[in-house]
N, C-alpha and C. Protein backbone atom coordinates (compact mmCIF):
# COMPACT_ATOMS: atom_id res chain seq x y z
N MET A 1 0.78 -1.43 0.10
CA MET A 1 -0.32 0.44 -0.06
C MET A 1 1.06 0.93 0.32
N ALA A 2 1.11 1.95 -0.76
CA ALA A 2 1.90 3.07 -1.14
C ALA A 2 2.85 2.85 -0.11
N GLY A 3 3.90 2.25 -0.19
CA GLY A 3 5.19 1.48 0.44
C GLY A 3 5.31 1.89 1.39
N VAL A 4 3.76 1.39 2.33
CA VAL A 4 4.36 1.51 3.47
C VAL A 4 3.94 -0.81 4.13
N ASP A 5 4.82 -0.60 4.85
CA ASP A 5 4.61 -2.09 4.78
C ASP A 5 3.91 -2.15 6.19
N ASP A 6 3.57 -3.40 6.04
CA ASP A 6 2.98 -4.23 7.40
C ASP A 6 1.56 -2.87 7.97
N PHE A 7 1.38 -2.54 7.08
CA PHE A 7 0.54 -1.48 7.38
C PHE A 7 -1.24 -2.71 7.49
N ARG A 8 -1.90 -2.81 8.88
CA ARG A 8 -3.11 -3.48 8.68
C ARG A 8 -4.43 -1.97 9.27
N ILE A 9 -5.82 -2.88 8.52
CA ILE A 9 -6.97 -1.77 8.56
C ILE A 9 -6.74 -0.76 10.38
N HIS A 10 -7.31 -1.91 11.12
CA HIS A 10 -6.81 -1.89 12.63
C HIS A 10 -5.87 0.17 12.92
N ASP A 11 -4.61 -0.53 12.14
CA ASP A 11 -3.58 0.89 12.28
C ASP A 11 -5.00 1.77 12.51
N LEU A 12 -5.39 2.30 11.55
CA LEU A 12 -6.59 3.45 11.58
C LEU A 12 -6.81 3.24 12.90
N ARG A 13 -7.21 2.76 13.25
CA ARG A 13 -7.92 2.84 14.72
C ARG A 13 -7.35 2.98 15.60
N HIS A 14 -5.65 3.23 15.37
CA HIS A 14 -4.21 3.32 16.36
C HIS A 14 -4.59 5.28 16.14
N ASP A 15 -4.18 5.43 14.80
CA ASP A 15 -4.85 6.28 14.14
C ASP A 15 -5.43 7.88 14.74
N PHE A 16 -6.76 7.19 15.27
CA PHE A 16 -7.49 7.84 15.35
C PHE A 16 -8.03 8.03 16.45
N ALA A 17 -7.48 7.29 17.37
CA ALA A 17 -7.91 7.56 19.18
C ALA A 17 -6.99 8.26 19.15
N SER A 18 -5.16 8.62 18.65
CA SER A 18 -4.45 9.06 19.17
C SER A 18 -4.94 11.01 18.89
N LYS A 19 -5.45 10.70 16.99
CA LYS A 19 -5.64 11.77 16.94
C LYS A 19 -6.27 13.21 17.98
N LEU A 20 -7.91 12.30 18.06
CA LEU A 20 -8.92 12.04 18.91
C LEU A 20 -7.75 13.06 20.50
N LEU A 21 -7.12 12.44 20.86
CA LEU A 21 -6.82 12.57 22.33
C LEU A 21 -6.46 13.70 22.46
N ARG A 22 -4.91 14.00 20.70
CA ARG A 22 -4.44 15.17 21.01
C ARG A 22 -5.32 16.59 20.54
N LYS A 23 -6.74 16.35 20.20
CA LYS A 23 -7.24 17.41 19.51
C LYS A 23 -8.23 17.44 20.93
N THR A 24 -8.13 16.97 21.53
CA THR A 24 -9.32 17.47 22.81
C THR A 24 -8.19 17.57 24.15
N GLY A 25 -7.59 15.91 24.52
CA GLY A 25 -6.94 16.19 25.62
C GLY A 25 -7.84 15.79 26.31
N ASN A 26 -8.67 14.42 25.77
CA ASN A 26 -10.00 14.21 27.10
C ASN A 26 -9.93 12.63 26.52
N LEU A 27 -8.81 11.57 27.64
CA LEU A 27 -8.90 10.40 27.15
C LEU A 27 -10.15 8.88 27.43
N LYS A 28 -11.57 10.37 28.66
CA LYS A 28 -12.67 9.47 28.56
C LYS A 28 -13.23 9.41 27.58
N LEU A 29 -13.03 10.40 26.87
CA LEU A 29 -13.44 10.38 25.34
C LEU A 29 -13.60 10.05 24.44
N VAL A 30 -12.85 9.60 23.68
CA VAL A 30 -11.16 8.89 23.27
C VAL A 30 -12.08 6.98 23.89
N GLN A 31 -12.08 6.99 24.93
CA GLN A 31 -13.02 5.12 25.51
C GLN A 31 -13.98 5.67 24.80
N GLN A 32 -14.78 6.46 25.00
CA GLN A 32 -15.97 6.38 24.63
C GLN A 32 -16.05 6.14 23.65
N ALA A 33 -15.65 6.69 22.10
CA ALA A 33 -15.44 7.37 20.94
C ALA A 33 -15.44 5.19 20.13
N LEU A 34 -14.30 4.94 20.75
CA LEU A 34 -13.66 3.73 20.82
C LEU A 34 -14.41 2.51 21.12
N ASN A 35 -15.58 2.96 22.03
CA ASN A 35 -16.94 1.97 22.82
C ASN A 35 -16.09 0.42 23.73
N HIS A 36 -14.23 1.67 24.20
CA HIS A 36 -13.77 0.45 25.40
C HIS A 36 -14.22 0.13 25.92
N ALA A 37 -14.63 -0.77 27.20
CA ALA A 37 -15.37 -1.14 28.32
C ALA A 37 -13.70 -0.64 29.56
N SER A 38 -12.55 -0.38 28.83
CA SER A 38 -11.40 -0.02 29.91
C SER A 38 -10.64 1.02 29.70
N LEU A 39 -10.17 1.77 30.68
CA LEU A 39 -9.62 3.16 29.82
C LEU A 39 -7.55 1.97 29.90
N ARG A 40 -7.51 1.14 30.61
CA ARG A 40 -6.46 0.86 30.72
C ARG A 40 -6.52 0.68 28.44
N THR A 41 -7.80 0.22 28.07
CA THR A 41 -7.77 -0.30 26.48
C THR A 41 -7.20 0.37 25.97
N THR A 42 -8.30 2.07 26.39
CA THR A 42 -7.71 2.96 25.37
C THR A 42 -6.61 2.66 25.44
N THR A 43 -5.66 3.52 26.30
CA THR A 43 -4.06 3.93 26.43
C THR A 43 -3.20 2.97 25.98
N LYS A 44 -4.37 1.86 25.54
CA LYS A 44 -2.96 1.70 24.21
C LYS A 44 -2.97 1.62 22.59
N TYR A 45 -4.78 1.75 22.59
CA TYR A 45 -4.59 3.24 21.46
C TYR A 45 -3.86 3.96 21.05
N ALA A 46 -4.59 5.20 21.76
CA ALA A 46 -3.86 6.43 22.09
C ALA A 46 -2.44 7.02 22.60
N HIS A 47 -2.26 7.16 21.80
CA HIS A 47 0.38 7.49 21.75
C HIS A 47 -0.14 8.82 22.06
N VAL A 48 0.84 9.27 22.61
CA VAL A 48 1.44 10.33 22.80
C VAL A 48 2.74 10.82 23.27
N LEU A 49 2.63 11.74 22.09
CA LEU A 49 4.67 11.73 22.08
C LEU A 49 5.24 12.48 23.20
N ASP A 50 6.04 12.02 23.24
CA ASP A 50 6.64 13.26 24.27
C ASP A 50 6.85 14.43 23.95
N ASP A 51 6.97 15.09 23.07
CA ASP A 51 6.82 16.27 22.60
C ASP A 51 5.48 17.20 23.62
N GLU A 52 4.50 16.54 23.22
CA GLU A 52 3.07 17.17 23.51
C GLU A 52 2.86 16.66 24.74
N VAL A 53 3.85 16.20 25.70
CA VAL A 53 3.70 16.08 26.93
C VAL A 53 4.23 17.52 27.58
N ALA A 54 5.43 17.34 27.18
CA ALA A 54 6.77 18.79 27.63
C ALA A 54 5.48 19.62 27.03
N ALA A 55 4.67 20.30 26.09
CA ALA A 55 4.61 20.77 25.65
C ALA A 55 3.16 20.93 26.70
N ALA A 56 2.28 20.39 26.70
CA ALA A 56 1.34 20.29 27.77
C ALA A 56 1.60 20.99 29.26
N LEU A 57 1.94 20.34 29.77
CA LEU A 57 2.46 20.47 31.06
C LEU A 57 3.30 22.04 30.99
N GLU A 58 4.33 22.42 29.72
CA GLU A 58 4.82 23.48 30.13
C GLU A 58 3.61 24.95 29.81
N ALA A 59 2.54 24.97 28.98
CA ALA A 59 1.43 24.91 29.30
C ALA A 59 0.37 25.79 30.20
N PHE A 60 0.67 23.73 30.91
CA PHE A 60 -0.02 23.84 32.69
C PHE A 60 0.81 24.63 33.28
N SER A 61 1.83 24.58 32.49
CA SER A 61 2.45 26.17 34.09
C SER A 61 2.60 27.09 33.68
N GLN A 62 2.26 27.86 32.56
CA GLN A 62 1.62 29.04 32.29
C GLN A 62 0.88 29.59 32.59
N ASP A 63 -0.29 28.12 32.56
CA ASP A 63 -1.48 28.85 33.24
C ASP A 63 -2.06 29.51 34.73
N ARG A 64 -1.01 28.20 35.43
CA ARG A 64 -0.81 28.56 36.46
C ARG A 64 -0.28 30.00 37.14
N ARG A 65 1.31 29.48 36.46
CA ARG A 65 1.32 31.12 36.58
C ARG A 65 0.60 32.68 36.24
N ALA A 66 0.26 32.34 35.51
CA ALA A 66 -1.27 33.89 35.04
C ALA A 66 -1.77 33.46 36.20
N LEU A 67 -3.21 33.00 36.38
CA LEU A 67 -3.81 32.41 37.34
C LEU A 67 -2.86 33.23 38.89
N ARG A 68 -2.23 32.79 39.22
CA ARG A 68 -1.06 33.42 40.45
C ARG A 68 -0.94 34.56 40.50
N ASN A 69 -0.80 35.59 39.27
CA ASN A 69 -0.40 36.78 39.33
C ASN A 69 -1.30 37.78 39.56
N SER A 70 -2.61 37.15 38.63
CA SER A 70 -3.71 37.31 39.02
C SER A 70 -4.48 37.53 40.25
N GLU A 71 -4.91 36.26 41.35
CA GLU A 71 -4.82 36.62 42.51
C GLU A 71 -3.64 37.61 43.57
N GLU A 72 -2.41 37.39 42.89
CA GLU A 72 -1.95 38.87 43.46
C GLU A 72 -2.57 39.65 43.14
N ASN A 73 -2.58 40.29 42.28
CA ASN A 73 -2.59 41.64 41.44
C ASN A 73 -4.28 41.76 42.33
N HIS A 74 -4.90 40.83 43.02
CA HIS A 74 -6.93 40.87 42.93
C HIS A 74 -6.14 41.44 44.30
N ARG A 75 -5.83 40.77 45.44
CA ARG A 75 -4.95 40.96 45.98
C ARG A 75 -4.44 42.39 46.92
N LYS A 76 -3.80 42.75 46.30
CA LYS A 76 -3.27 43.70 45.98
C LYS A 76 -4.30 44.62 45.34
N ASN A 77 -4.73 44.80 44.76
CA ASN A 77 -6.02 46.17 44.53
C ASN A 77 -6.86 46.15 45.51
N HIS A 78 -6.88 44.65 46.63
CA HIS A 78 -8.54 44.77 47.21
C HIS A 78 -7.47 45.71 48.90
N ARG A 79 -7.35 45.62 48.74
CA ARG A 79 -6.08 46.62 50.37
C ARG A 79 -5.97 48.04 49.94
N ASN A 80 -5.28 48.09 48.43
CA ASN A 80 -5.45 49.36 48.19
C ASN A 80 -6.63 49.75 48.03
N VAL A 81 -7.68 49.22 47.87
CA VAL A 81 -9.48 50.25 48.65
C VAL A 81 -9.82 50.18 49.04
N THR A 82 -8.98 48.89 50.11
CA THR A 82 -9.94 49.13 51.41
C THR A 82 -8.45 49.47 52.57
N VAL A 83 -7.55 50.72 52.41
CA VAL A 83 -6.92 51.42 53.11
C VAL A 83 -7.48 52.72 52.15
N ALA A 84 -7.82 52.95 51.25
CA ALA A 84 -7.89 54.70 50.66
C ALA A 84 -9.26 54.80 51.50
N GLY A 85 -9.82 53.40 50.93
CA GLY A 85 -11.98 53.29 52.61
C GLY A 85 -11.50 53.95 53.47
N SER A 86 -10.26 53.82 54.30
CA SER A 86 -10.54 53.80 56.31
C SER A 86 -9.42 54.78 55.73
N ARG A 87 -9.15 55.73 55.34
CA ARG A 87 -8.17 56.91 54.93
C ARG A 87 -9.88 57.60 55.28
N ARG A 88 -10.84 57.35 53.76
CA ARG A 88 -11.94 58.48 53.62
C ARG A 88 -12.86 58.38 55.12
N ARG A 89 -13.00 57.79 55.71
CA ARG A 89 -13.94 57.34 57.07
C ARG A 89 -13.21 57.87 58.09
N ALA A 90 -11.25 57.68 57.70
CA ALA A 90 -10.50 58.48 59.52
C ALA A 90 -10.96 59.68 59.13
N GLN A 91 -11.62 60.67 58.08
CA GLN A 91 -11.04 62.02 57.60
C GLN A 91 -11.99 62.24 57.93
């Protein structure tokens, strides 16, 4: 088949599972799409590359940093508003 050795129609199922997992990031969804009773079976079908894992971890880390910065800014702003309100009442 087009110069591909050892191709089996079943390989398309593995390809579909991997692409669906990459697109959605949802292993449970892939499990349901393949009609598997067990997630263990699904993990044999849905292959994830090391660079995809690294990219997902980096994105998660950046999201956490952004959330932490947002929370810190919120606390600082809240303190400033509270201090300003206290000054007005004291005057």
